[in-house]
Amino acid sequence: MSQLPGTRTLAATLFVSLDGVVESPEKWSFPFWSEETQKFKLDETRASDALLLGRVTYEGFAAAWPGRKDPDGFADQFNSMPKFVASRTLKKLAWNNSHLIKGDLAAEVSKLKQQPGQDIVIHGSPGLIRSLLPHGLIDEFRLLVYPLVLGQGKRLFDEGSQASLKLVESTTFSKGVVKLVYRPADKASRAKRTGTARPKRNTKRRKA
């Protein structure tokens, strides 16, 4: 399934270890935090106006983000923007501007992409990502890869996951984290042919 002209970009953004673990990045990513990481996350948030989250990520965010403040206004935007939650068990969503997705997940996400607006961003939520993967709805995978092998924890993909991706950006941050941006191969090549590809971001490699 290809991205239709005029639809919003749905991007999955994750912190991931070398062995593919994405679970609980707050426990292992902070020693590698840098100004580059902060700028990436701030720019990403400013280019989006909706979150799409699985239950576990939503519950973690809902416990951590309300009440936070920061000089850049990141928390204010994060707290105020719409959050769309994929869950069969949650009944009540306490975090501001949260909406439970009902009915067929792929169909509802497709409808969200057709609404006017900026990027829709999936934070974490590997189960949600794997559910959407066969439907071709995710337009970008934005991975911050950390120089760690964790050995255990939930991973982004499992044995049933399949995708053909094209690397469109690679940037090495000062503390050894590597930002990798992938797009589905068919969408990347189609955007290049039609001239609708996003402008290339400045990329630079630094010595760790």
C-alpha atoms as a PDB file:
ATOM      1  CA  MET A   1       0.000   0.000   0.000  1.00  0.00           C
ATOM      2  CA  SER A   2       1.508   3.328  -1.050  1.00  0.00           C
ATOM      3  CA  GLN A   3       1.154   6.705   0.597  1.00  0.00           C
ATOM      4  CA  LEU A   4      -1.532   8.688  -1.200  1.00  0.00           C
ATOM      5  CA  PRO A   5      -0.900  12.324  -2.224  1.00  0.00           C
ATOM      6  CA  GLY A   6      -2.141  14.698   0.455  1.00  0.00           C
ATOM      7  CA  THR A   7      -2.143  12.165   3.269  1.00  0.00           C
ATOM      8  CA  ARG A   8      -0.306  12.830   6.498  1.00  0.00           C
ATOM      9  CA  THR A   9       2.972  11.100   7.266  1.00  0.00           C
ATOM     10  CA  LEU A  10       2.733   8.390   9.916  1.00  0.00           C
ATOM     11  CA  ALA A  11       6.139   7.990  11.524  1.00  0.00           C
ATOM     12  CA  ALA A  12       7.315   5.467  14.115  1.00  0.00           C
ATOM     13  CA  THR A  13      10.020   6.865  16.378  1.00  0.00           C
ATOM     14  CA  LEU A  14      11.950   4.662  18.798  1.00  0.00           C
ATOM     15  CA  PHE A  15      15.021   4.339  20.973  1.00  0.00           C
ATOM     16  CA  VAL A  16      16.541   0.944  20.165  1.00  0.00           C
ATOM     17  CA  SER A  17      19.559  -1.051  21.382  1.00  0.00           C
ATOM     18  CA  LEU A  18      21.949  -2.842  19.047  1.00  0.00           C
ATOM     19  CA  ASP A  19      20.083  -6.086  19.681  1.00  0.00           C
ATOM     20  CA  GLY A  20      16.715  -4.535  18.856  1.00  0.00           C
ATOM     21  CA  VAL A  21      15.322  -3.914  22.354  1.00  0.00           C
ATOM     22  CA  VAL A  22      12.926  -0.971  22.629  1.00  0.00           C
ATOM     23  CA  GLU A  23      11.444  -1.641  26.070  1.00  0.00           C
ATOM     24  CA  SER A  24      11.858   0.925  28.881  1.00  0.00           C
ATOM     25  CA  PRO A  25      14.390   3.258  27.194  1.00  0.00           C
ATOM     26  CA  GLU A  26      14.147   5.557  30.213  1.00  0.00           C
ATOM     27  CA  LYS A  27      16.218   2.947  32.047  1.00  0.00           C
ATOM     28  CA  TRP A  28      19.154   2.893  29.605  1.00  0.00           C
ATOM     29  CA  SER A  29      19.121   5.853  27.194  1.00  0.00           C
ATOM     30  CA  PHE A  30      19.804   8.842  29.467  1.00  0.00           C
ATOM     31  CA  PRO A  31      23.617   8.421  29.745  1.00  0.00           C
ATOM     32  CA  PHE A  32      23.707   9.001  25.978  1.00  0.00           C
ATOM     33  CA  TRP A  33      21.436  12.061  25.914  1.00  0.00           C
ATOM     34  CA  SER A  34      22.918  14.974  23.981  1.00  0.00           C
ATOM     35  CA  GLU A  35      21.965  18.300  22.446  1.00  0.00           C
ATOM     36  CA  GLU A  36      21.582  16.481  19.120  1.00  0.00           C
ATOM     37  CA  THR A  37      19.076  14.061  20.606  1.00  0.00           C
ATOM     38  CA  GLN A  38      17.167  16.917  22.207  1.00  0.00           C
ATOM     39  CA  LYS A  39      17.032  18.869  18.939  1.00  0.00           C
ATOM     40  CA  PHE A  40      15.871  15.810  17.000  1.00  0.00           C
ATOM     41  CA  LYS A  41      13.022  15.106  19.428  1.00  0.00           C
ATOM     42  CA  LEU A  42      12.024  18.774  19.601  1.00  0.00           C
ATOM     43  CA  ASP A  43      11.997  19.185  15.801  1.00  0.00           C
ATOM     44  CA  GLU A  44      10.044  15.944  15.457  1.00  0.00           C
ATOM     45  CA  THR A  45       7.411  17.096  17.935  1.00  0.00           C
ATOM     46  CA  ARG A  46       7.075  20.527  16.328  1.00  0.00           C
ATOM     47  CA  ALA A  47       6.472  18.867  12.942  1.00  0.00           C
ATOM     48  CA  SER A  48       3.655  16.711  14.356  1.00  0.00           C
ATOM     49  CA  ASP A  49       0.222  17.398  15.751  1.00  0.00           C
ATOM     50  CA  ALA A  50      -0.999  13.974  16.847  1.00  0.00           C
ATOM     51  CA  LEU A  51       0.265  10.902  18.705  1.00  0.00           C
ATOM     52  CA  LEU A  52      -0.659   7.294  17.990  1.00  0.00           C
ATOM     53  CA  LEU A  53       0.103   5.000  20.924  1.00  0.00           C
ATOM     54  CA  GLY A  54      -0.336   1.446  22.119  1.00  0.00           C
ATOM     55  CA  ARG A  55      -1.696   0.764  25.586  1.00  0.00           C
ATOM     56  CA  VAL A  56       1.592   0.230  27.443  1.00  0.00           C
ATOM     57  CA  THR A  57       3.246   3.336  25.993  1.00  0.00           C
ATOM     58  CA  TYR A  58       0.121   5.393  26.566  1.00  0.00           C
ATOM     59  CA  GLU A  59      -0.102   4.403  30.217  1.00  0.00           C
ATOM     60  CA  GLY A  60       3.581   5.205  30.741  1.00  0.00           C
ATOM     61  CA  PHE A  61       3.278   8.601  29.059  1.00  0.00           C
ATOM     62  CA  ALA A  62       0.005   9.424  30.842  1.00  0.00           C
ATOM     63  CA  ALA A  63       1.723   8.839  34.184  1.00  0.00           C
ATOM     64  CA  ALA A  64       4.832  10.860  33.312  1.00  0.00           C
ATOM     65  CA  TRP A  65       3.908  13.839  31.134  1.00  0.00           C
ATOM     66  CA  PRO A  66       0.959  15.738  32.675  1.00  0.00           C
ATOM     67  CA  GLY A  67       2.262  18.618  34.747  1.00  0.00           C
ATOM     68  CA  ARG A  68       5.686  18.718  33.111  1.00  0.00           C
ATOM     69  CA  LYS A  69       7.094  22.030  31.892  1.00  0.00           C
ATOM     70  CA  ASP A  70      10.207  22.950  29.930  1.00  0.00           C
ATOM     71  CA  PRO A  71      11.637  26.157  28.407  1.00  0.00           C
ATOM     72  CA  ASP A  72      11.190  24.916  24.828  1.00  0.00           C
ATOM     73  CA  GLY A  73       7.479  24.204  25.200  1.00  0.00           C
ATOM     74  CA  PHE A  74       7.964  20.521  24.318  1.00  0.00           C
ATOM     75  CA  ALA A  75       5.870  19.279  27.231  1.00  0.00           C
ATOM     76  CA  ASP A  76       3.070  21.755  26.568  1.00  0.00           C
ATOM     77  CA  GLN A  77       2.743  20.606  22.973  1.00  0.00           C
ATOM     78  CA  PHE A  78       3.034  16.947  23.928  1.00  0.00           C
ATOM     79  CA  ASN A  79       0.312  17.298  26.550  1.00  0.00           C
ATOM     80  CA  SER A  80      -2.067  19.338  24.411  1.00  0.00           C
ATOM     81  CA  MET A  81      -1.973  17.485  21.080  1.00  0.00           C
ATOM     82  CA  PRO A  82      -4.477  14.695  20.328  1.00  0.00           C
ATOM     83  CA  LYS A  83      -3.484  11.180  21.399  1.00  0.00           C
ATOM     84  CA  PHE A  84      -5.073   8.244  19.597  1.00  0.00           C
ATOM     85  CA  VAL A  85      -4.813   5.017  21.582  1.00  0.00           C
ATOM     86  CA  ALA A  86      -5.010   1.470  20.225  1.00  0.00           C
ATOM     87  CA  SER A  87      -6.272  -0.764  23.023  1.00  0.00           C
ATOM     88  CA  ARG A  88      -8.915  -3.414  23.531  1.00  0.00           C
ATOM     89  CA  THR A  89      -8.743  -3.228  27.325  1.00  0.00           C
ATOM     90  CA  LEU A  90      -8.597   0.462  28.241  1.00  0.00           C
ATOM     91  CA  LYS A  91     -11.984   2.023  28.924  1.00  0.00           C
ATOM     92  CA  LYS A  92     -11.082   5.390  30.424  1.00  0.00           C
ATOM     93  CA  LEU A  93      -8.367   7.690  29.114  1.00  0.00           C
ATOM     94  CA  ALA A  94      -7.380  10.281  31.700  1.00  0.00           C
ATOM     95  CA  TRP A  95      -4.635  12.132  29.798  1.00  0.00           C
ATOM     96  CA  ASN A  96      -5.792  15.363  28.167  1.00  0.00           C
ATOM     97  CA  ASN A  97      -7.159  15.104  24.603  1.00  0.00           C
ATOM     98  CA  SER A  98      -6.955  11.295  24.417  1.00  0.00           C
ATOM     99  CA  HIS A  99      -9.161   9.264  22.106  1.00  0.00           C
ATOM    100  CA  LEU A 100      -9.669   5.506  22.031  1.00  0.00           C
ATOM    101  CA  ILE A 101      -9.544   3.920  18.572  1.00  0.00           C
ATOM    102  CA  LYS A 102     -12.614   1.747  18.065  1.00  0.00           C
ATOM    103  CA  GLY A 103     -13.298  -0.693  15.264  1.00  0.00           C
ATOM    104  CA  ASP A 104     -10.772  -1.913  12.716  1.00  0.00           C
ATOM    105  CA  LEU A 105      -7.334  -0.537  13.615  1.00  0.00           C
ATOM    106  CA  ALA A 106      -5.918  -0.291  10.076  1.00  0.00           C
ATOM    107  CA  ALA A 107      -9.066   1.322   8.721  1.00  0.00           C
ATOM    108  CA  GLU A 108      -9.203   3.891  11.537  1.00  0.00           C
ATOM    109  CA  VAL A 109      -5.514   4.777  11.179  1.00  0.00           C
ATOM    110  CA  SER A 110      -6.004   5.159   7.430  1.00  0.00           C
ATOM    111  CA  LYS A 111      -8.814   7.626   8.145  1.00  0.00           C
ATOM    112  CA  LEU A 112      -6.566   9.583  10.511  1.00  0.00           C
ATOM    113  CA  LYS A 113      -3.936   9.890   7.806  1.00  0.00           C
ATOM    114  CA  GLN A 114      -6.498  11.363   5.420  1.00  0.00           C
ATOM    115  CA  GLN A 115      -7.420  14.167   7.812  1.00  0.00           C
ATOM    116  CA  PRO A 116      -5.638  17.511   7.367  1.00  0.00           C
ATOM    117  CA  GLY A 117      -2.700  18.148   9.640  1.00  0.00           C
ATOM    118  CA  GLN A 118       0.982  17.570  10.297  1.00  0.00           C
ATOM    119  CA  ASP A 119       2.770  14.297  11.021  1.00  0.00           C
ATOM    120  CA  ILE A 120       1.235  11.613  13.214  1.00  0.00           C
ATOM    121  CA  VAL A 121       3.915  10.013  15.368  1.00  0.00           C
ATOM    122  CA  ILE A 122       3.983   6.583  17.003  1.00  0.00           C
ATOM    123  CA  HIS A 123       6.241   6.624  20.053  1.00  0.00           C
ATOM    124  CA  GLY A 124       7.476   3.205  21.156  1.00  0.00           C
ATOM    125  CA  SER A 125       4.472   0.849  20.927  1.00  0.00           C
ATOM    126  CA  PRO A 126       6.183  -2.087  19.148  1.00  0.00           C
ATOM    127  CA  GLY A 127       3.036  -4.214  19.213  1.00  0.00           C
ATOM    128  CA  LEU A 128       1.077  -1.461  17.484  1.00  0.00           C
ATOM    129  CA  ILE A 129       3.829  -1.056  14.885  1.00  0.00           C
ATOM    130  CA  ARG A 130       3.822  -4.776  14.121  1.00  0.00           C
ATOM    131  CA  SER A 131       0.033  -4.699  13.747  1.00  0.00           C
ATOM    132  CA  LEU A 132       0.216  -1.859  11.218  1.00  0.00           C
ATOM    133  CA  LEU A 133       3.249  -3.162   9.331  1.00  0.00           C
ATOM    134  CA  PRO A 134       1.389  -5.553   6.963  1.00  0.00           C
ATOM    135  CA  HIS A 135      -0.996  -2.754   5.943  1.00  0.00           C
ATOM    136  CA  GLY A 136       1.723  -0.406   4.656  1.00  0.00           C
ATOM    137  CA  LEU A 137       0.490   2.502   6.755  1.00  0.00           C
ATOM    138  CA  ILE A 138       3.798   3.523   8.364  1.00  0.00           C
ATOM    139  CA  ASP A 139       5.675   5.983   6.162  1.00  0.00           C
ATOM    140  CA  GLU A 140       8.866   6.442   8.196  1.00  0.00           C
ATOM    141  CA  PHE A 141      10.834   4.578  10.834  1.00  0.00           C
ATOM    142  CA  ARG A 142      12.988   6.992  12.866  1.00  0.00           C
ATOM    143  CA  LEU A 143      15.383   4.985  14.974  1.00  0.00           C
ATOM    144  CA  LEU A 144      17.926   6.218  17.491  1.00  0.00           C
ATOM    145  CA  VAL A 145      20.287   3.260  17.814  1.00  0.00           C
ATOM    146  CA  TYR A 146      22.231   3.075  21.082  1.00  0.00           C
ATOM    147  CA  PRO A 147      25.637   1.398  21.510  1.00  0.00           C
ATOM    148  CA  LEU A 148      24.240  -1.131  23.969  1.00  0.00           C
ATOM    149  CA  VAL A 149      23.435  -4.839  23.918  1.00  0.00           C
ATOM    150  CA  LEU A 150      20.730  -5.400  26.522  1.00  0.00           C
ATOM    151  CA  GLY A 151      20.145  -9.108  26.079  1.00  0.00           C
ATOM    152  CA  GLN A 152      16.487  -9.050  27.112  1.00  0.00           C
ATOM    153  CA  GLY A 153      13.376  -6.947  26.732  1.00  0.00           C
ATOM    154  CA  LYS A 154      10.675  -6.344  24.151  1.00  0.00           C
ATOM    155  CA  ARG A 155      12.011  -5.960  20.644  1.00  0.00           C
ATOM    156  CA  LEU A 156      10.747  -3.854  17.783  1.00  0.00           C
ATOM    157  CA  PHE A 157      10.212  -6.740  15.360  1.00  0.00           C
ATOM    158  CA  ASP A 158       9.499 -10.423  15.866  1.00  0.00           C
ATOM    159  CA  GLU A 159       9.779 -13.543  13.723  1.00  0.00           C
ATOM    160  CA  GLY A 160       6.606 -12.708  11.834  1.00  0.00           C
ATOM    161  CA  SER A 161       7.644  -9.159  10.856  1.00  0.00           C
ATOM    162  CA  GLN A 162       8.491  -8.427   7.238  1.00  0.00           C
ATOM    163  CA  ALA A 163       9.313  -5.148   5.472  1.00  0.00           C
ATOM    164  CA  SER A 164      11.499  -3.842   2.670  1.00  0.00           C
ATOM    165  CA  LEU A 165      12.947  -0.481   3.708  1.00  0.00           C
ATOM    166  CA  LYS A 166      15.237   2.132   2.217  1.00  0.00           C
ATOM    167  CA  LEU A 167      17.690   4.135   4.339  1.00  0.00           C
ATOM    168  CA  VAL A 168      17.123   7.842   3.656  1.00  0.00           C
ATOM    169  CA  GLU A 169      19.160   9.386   6.464  1.00  0.00           C
ATOM    170  CA  SER A 170      22.025   8.383   8.717  1.00  0.00           C
ATOM    171  CA  THR A 171      23.581  10.692  11.294  1.00  0.00           C
ATOM    172  CA  THR A 172      26.049   9.864  14.056  1.00  0.00           C
ATOM    173  CA  PHE A 173      25.604  11.844  17.279  1.00  0.00           C
ATOM    174  CA  SER A 174      28.461  12.875  19.536  1.00  0.00           C
ATOM    175  CA  LYS A 175      27.839  10.195  22.196  1.00  0.00           C
ATOM    176  CA  GLY A 176      27.740   7.277  19.780  1.00  0.00           C
ATOM    177  CA  VAL A 177      24.006   7.194  19.111  1.00  0.00           C
ATOM    178  CA  VAL A 178      23.144   6.802  15.430  1.00  0.00           C
ATOM    179  CA  LYS A 179      19.977   8.275  13.943  1.00  0.00           C
ATOM    180  CA  LEU A 180      18.623   6.121  11.131  1.00  0.00           C
ATOM    181  CA  VAL A 181      15.564   7.081   9.099  1.00  0.00           C
ATOM    182  CA  TYR A 182      13.991   4.435   6.876  1.00  0.00           C
ATOM    183  CA  ARG A 183      11.049   4.553   4.509  1.00  0.00           C
ATOM    184  CA  PRO A 184       9.297   1.657   2.814  1.00  0.00           C
ATOM    185  CA  ALA A 185      11.253   0.989  -0.368  1.00  0.00           C
ATOM    186  CA  ASP A 186       8.282   1.451  -2.686  1.00  0.00           C
ATOM    187  CA  LYS A 187       7.334   4.796  -1.125  1.00  0.00           C
ATOM    188  CA  ALA A 188      10.899   6.102  -1.162  1.00  0.00           C
ATOM    189  CA  SER A 189      11.370   5.270  -4.852  1.00  0.00           C
ATOM    190  CA  ARG A 190       7.940   6.639  -5.791  1.00  0.00           C
ATOM    191  CA  ALA A 191       8.594   9.915  -3.974  1.00  0.00           C
ATOM    192  CA  LYS A 192      11.916  10.254  -5.777  1.00  0.00           C
ATOM    193  CA  ARG A 193      10.334   9.649  -9.193  1.00  0.00           C
ATOM    194  CA  THR A 194       7.472  12.096  -8.634  1.00  0.00           C
ATOM    195  CA  GLY A 195       9.574  14.757  -6.938  1.00  0.00           C
ATOM    196  CA  THR A 196       7.525  14.652  -3.736  1.00  0.00           C
ATOM    197  CA  ALA A 197      10.320  13.451  -1.479  1.00  0.00           C
ATOM    198  CA  ARG A 198      10.993  15.541   1.600  1.00  0.00           C
ATOM    199  CA  PRO A 199      14.060  17.797   1.365  1.00  0.00           C
ATOM    200  CA  LYS A 200      17.165  16.037   2.574  1.00  0.00           C
ATOM    201  CA  ARG A 201      18.136  16.927   6.088  1.00  0.00           C
ATOM    202  CA  ASN A 202      21.685  17.974   6.801  1.00  0.00           C
ATOM    203  CA  THR A 203      23.580  14.938   7.955  1.00  0.00           C
ATOM    204  CA  LYS A 204      27.050  14.820   9.406  1.00  0.00           C
ATOM    205  CA  ARG A 205      29.142  12.161  10.999  1.00  0.00           C
ATOM    206  CA  ARG A 206      31.039  12.860  14.156  1.00  0.00           C
ATOM    207  CA  LYS A 207      33.703  10.914  15.893  1.00  0.00           C
ATOM    208  CA  ALA A 208      32.338   9.375  19.052  1.00  0.00           C
END
